[in-house]
Amino acid sequence: MIPDPLLINDWHPVASWQQLEAAPVLGTRLLGEDIVVWRCGDQALVWQDLCIHRGTRLSLGKTDGETLICPYHARPHPPEDGSASAAGERPGSHDDARR
């Protein structure tokens, strides 16, 4: 990750809602970090693009309702499991970045 606090704490467009309607799971890079952007109901979530169990990219997975499914072992990652960051937050951050 690029260690610039001005860049890290700012908003960055990474996907449009139209892109998420066409493909509900997208992988991209932001500030040197791989992230997955996925549609969960009427919101977009942004997580680190990594399943911590086997190191697989979650962006290779799919959605099932409001759950992101790991492509390696089909482990579900619901938004409330604690690994989610709302759109606008850095993965792993617990700060409310939706100021």
C-alpha atoms as a PDB file:
ATOM      1  CA  MET A   1       0.000   0.000   0.000  1.00  0.00           C
ATOM      2  CA  ILE A   2       1.164   3.522  -0.686  1.00  0.00           C
ATOM      3  CA  PRO A   3       1.789   5.073   2.762  1.00  0.00           C
ATOM      4  CA  ASP A   4       0.459   8.550   1.972  1.00  0.00           C
ATOM      5  CA  PRO A   5      -2.148   9.585   4.569  1.00  0.00           C
ATOM      6  CA  LEU A   6      -3.644  12.165   2.212  1.00  0.00           C
ATOM      7  CA  LEU A   7      -4.332   9.506  -0.403  1.00  0.00           C
ATOM      8  CA  ILE A   8      -5.403   6.772   2.011  1.00  0.00           C
ATOM      9  CA  ASN A   9      -8.024   8.913   3.747  1.00  0.00           C
ATOM     10  CA  ASP A  10      -9.634  10.189   0.568  1.00  0.00           C
ATOM     11  CA  TRP A  11     -12.377   8.903  -1.731  1.00  0.00           C
ATOM     12  CA  HIS A  12     -11.300   7.057  -4.880  1.00  0.00           C
ATOM     13  CA  PRO A  13     -13.696   5.899  -7.594  1.00  0.00           C
ATOM     14  CA  VAL A  14     -12.972   2.250  -8.353  1.00  0.00           C
ATOM     15  CA  ALA A  15     -16.210   1.035  -9.996  1.00  0.00           C
ATOM     16  CA  SER A  16     -19.517   2.406 -11.190  1.00  0.00           C
ATOM     17  CA  TRP A  17     -22.880   1.013 -10.153  1.00  0.00           C
ATOM     18  CA  GLN A  18     -23.435   0.043 -13.798  1.00  0.00           C
ATOM     19  CA  GLN A  19     -20.266  -2.072 -13.697  1.00  0.00           C
ATOM     20  CA  LEU A  20     -21.497  -3.816 -10.546  1.00  0.00           C
ATOM     21  CA  GLU A  21     -24.868  -4.498 -12.162  1.00  0.00           C
ATOM     22  CA  ALA A  22     -23.086  -6.188 -15.085  1.00  0.00           C
ATOM     23  CA  ALA A  23     -20.535  -8.052 -12.930  1.00  0.00           C
ATOM     24  CA  PRO A  24     -21.378  -8.066  -9.200  1.00  0.00           C
ATOM     25  CA  VAL A  25     -17.778  -8.973  -8.211  1.00  0.00           C
ATOM     26  CA  LEU A  26     -14.850  -6.912  -9.531  1.00  0.00           C
ATOM     27  CA  GLY A  27     -11.160  -7.059  -8.722  1.00  0.00           C
ATOM     28  CA  THR A  28      -8.996  -3.959  -9.013  1.00  0.00           C
ATOM     29  CA  ARG A  29      -5.942  -2.256  -7.502  1.00  0.00           C
ATOM     30  CA  LEU A  30      -6.010   0.904  -5.444  1.00  0.00           C
ATOM     31  CA  LEU A  31      -2.887   2.576  -4.075  1.00  0.00           C
ATOM     32  CA  GLY A  32      -0.876  -0.592  -4.632  1.00  0.00           C
ATOM     33  CA  GLU A  33      -3.349  -2.904  -2.891  1.00  0.00           C
ATOM     34  CA  ASP A  34      -5.555  -5.530  -4.533  1.00  0.00           C
ATOM     35  CA  ILE A  35      -9.198  -4.992  -3.602  1.00  0.00           C
ATOM     36  CA  VAL A  36     -12.496  -6.646  -4.454  1.00  0.00           C
ATOM     37  CA  VAL A  37     -15.575  -4.507  -5.019  1.00  0.00           C
ATOM     38  CA  TRP A  38     -18.860  -6.372  -4.814  1.00  0.00           C
ATOM     39  CA  ARG A  39     -22.548  -5.621  -4.780  1.00  0.00           C
ATOM     40  CA  CYS A  40     -24.445  -6.546  -1.644  1.00  0.00           C
ATOM     41  CA  GLY A  41     -28.089  -5.606  -2.004  1.00  0.00           C
ATOM     42  CA  ASP A  42     -28.275  -1.870  -2.584  1.00  0.00           C
ATOM     43  CA  GLN A  43     -24.717  -1.106  -1.468  1.00  0.00           C
ATOM     44  CA  ALA A  44     -21.179  -1.673  -2.729  1.00  0.00           C
ATOM     45  CA  LEU A  45     -18.623  -3.231  -0.391  1.00  0.00           C
ATOM     46  CA  VAL A  46     -14.851  -3.020  -0.730  1.00  0.00           C
ATOM     47  CA  TRP A  47     -12.603  -5.611   0.881  1.00  0.00           C
ATOM     48  CA  GLN A  48      -9.008  -6.685   0.549  1.00  0.00           C
ATOM     49  CA  ASP A  49      -8.946  -9.117  -2.381  1.00  0.00           C
ATOM     50  CA  LEU A  50      -7.783 -12.037  -0.281  1.00  0.00           C
ATOM     51  CA  CYS A  51      -9.316 -15.069   1.366  1.00  0.00           C
ATOM     52  CA  ILE A  52      -7.179 -15.493   4.469  1.00  0.00           C
ATOM     53  CA  HIS A  53      -7.669 -19.265   4.500  1.00  0.00           C
ATOM     54  CA  ARG A  54      -5.781 -20.089   1.276  1.00  0.00           C
ATOM     55  CA  GLY A  55      -4.698 -16.750  -0.181  1.00  0.00           C
ATOM     56  CA  THR A  56      -7.150 -16.945  -3.060  1.00  0.00           C
ATOM     57  CA  ARG A  57      -8.445 -13.761  -4.655  1.00  0.00           C
ATOM     58  CA  LEU A  58     -12.049 -13.195  -3.583  1.00  0.00           C
ATOM     59  CA  SER A  59     -12.589 -11.310  -6.848  1.00  0.00           C
ATOM     60  CA  LEU A  60     -12.552 -14.699  -8.599  1.00  0.00           C
ATOM     61  CA  GLY A  61     -15.592 -15.705  -6.564  1.00  0.00           C
ATOM     62  CA  LYS A  62     -19.281 -15.024  -6.983  1.00  0.00           C
ATOM     63  CA  THR A  63     -22.185 -13.694  -4.995  1.00  0.00           C
ATOM     64  CA  ASP A  64     -25.064 -15.705  -3.586  1.00  0.00           C
ATOM     65  CA  GLY A  65     -27.733 -13.292  -2.454  1.00  0.00           C
ATOM     66  CA  GLU A  66     -25.911 -10.893  -0.132  1.00  0.00           C
ATOM     67  CA  THR A  67     -22.897 -13.156   0.440  1.00  0.00           C
ATOM     68  CA  LEU A  68     -19.546 -13.264  -1.345  1.00  0.00           C
ATOM     69  CA  ILE A  69     -18.423 -16.858  -2.004  1.00  0.00           C
ATOM     70  CA  CYS A  70     -14.718 -17.758  -2.017  1.00  0.00           C
ATOM     71  CA  PRO A  71     -13.775 -19.450  -5.304  1.00  0.00           C
ATOM     72  CA  TYR A  72     -11.318 -21.853  -3.651  1.00  0.00           C
ATOM     73  CA  HIS A  73     -13.385 -23.638  -1.041  1.00  0.00           C
ATOM     74  CA  ALA A  74     -16.804 -21.991  -1.417  1.00  0.00           C
ATOM     75  CA  ARG A  75     -16.641 -20.431   2.062  1.00  0.00           C
ATOM     76  CA  PRO A  76     -19.320 -17.754   2.327  1.00  0.00           C
ATOM     77  CA  HIS A  77     -18.272 -14.256   3.388  1.00  0.00           C
ATOM     78  CA  PRO A  78     -21.421 -12.411   4.496  1.00  0.00           C
ATOM     79  CA  PRO A  79     -21.052  -8.667   5.083  1.00  0.00           C
ATOM     80  CA  GLU A  80     -21.642  -9.033   8.826  1.00  0.00           C
ATOM     81  CA  ASP A  81     -18.836 -11.577   9.417  1.00  0.00           C
ATOM     82  CA  GLY A  82     -16.430  -8.847  10.473  1.00  0.00           C
ATOM     83  CA  SER A  83     -14.192  -8.916   7.403  1.00  0.00           C
ATOM     84  CA  ALA A  84     -16.191  -6.322   5.490  1.00  0.00           C
ATOM     85  CA  SER A  85     -15.508  -2.677   4.969  1.00  0.00           C
ATOM     86  CA  ALA A  86     -18.258  -0.418   3.741  1.00  0.00           C
ATOM     87  CA  ALA A  87     -17.567   1.412   0.508  1.00  0.00           C
ATOM     88  CA  GLY A  88     -15.188   4.238   1.314  1.00  0.00           C
ATOM     89  CA  GLU A  89     -13.336   2.444   4.105  1.00  0.00           C
ATOM     90  CA  ARG A  90      -9.944   0.846   3.824  1.00  0.00           C
ATOM     91  CA  PRO A  91      -9.941  -2.946   4.257  1.00  0.00           C
ATOM     92  CA  GLY A  92      -9.145  -3.699   7.879  1.00  0.00           C
ATOM     93  CA  SER A  93     -10.140  -0.221   9.009  1.00  0.00           C
ATOM     94  CA  HIS A  94     -12.818   0.288  11.626  1.00  0.00           C
ATOM     95  CA  ASP A  95     -12.987   4.042  11.085  1.00  0.00           C
ATOM     96  CA  ASP A  96     -16.134   5.509   9.623  1.00  0.00           C
ATOM     97  CA  ALA A  97     -14.843   6.904   6.335  1.00  0.00           C
ATOM     98  CA  ARG A  98     -18.287   8.011   5.190  1.00  0.00           C
ATOM     99  CA  ARG A  99     -17.834  11.477   6.729  1.00  0.00           C
END
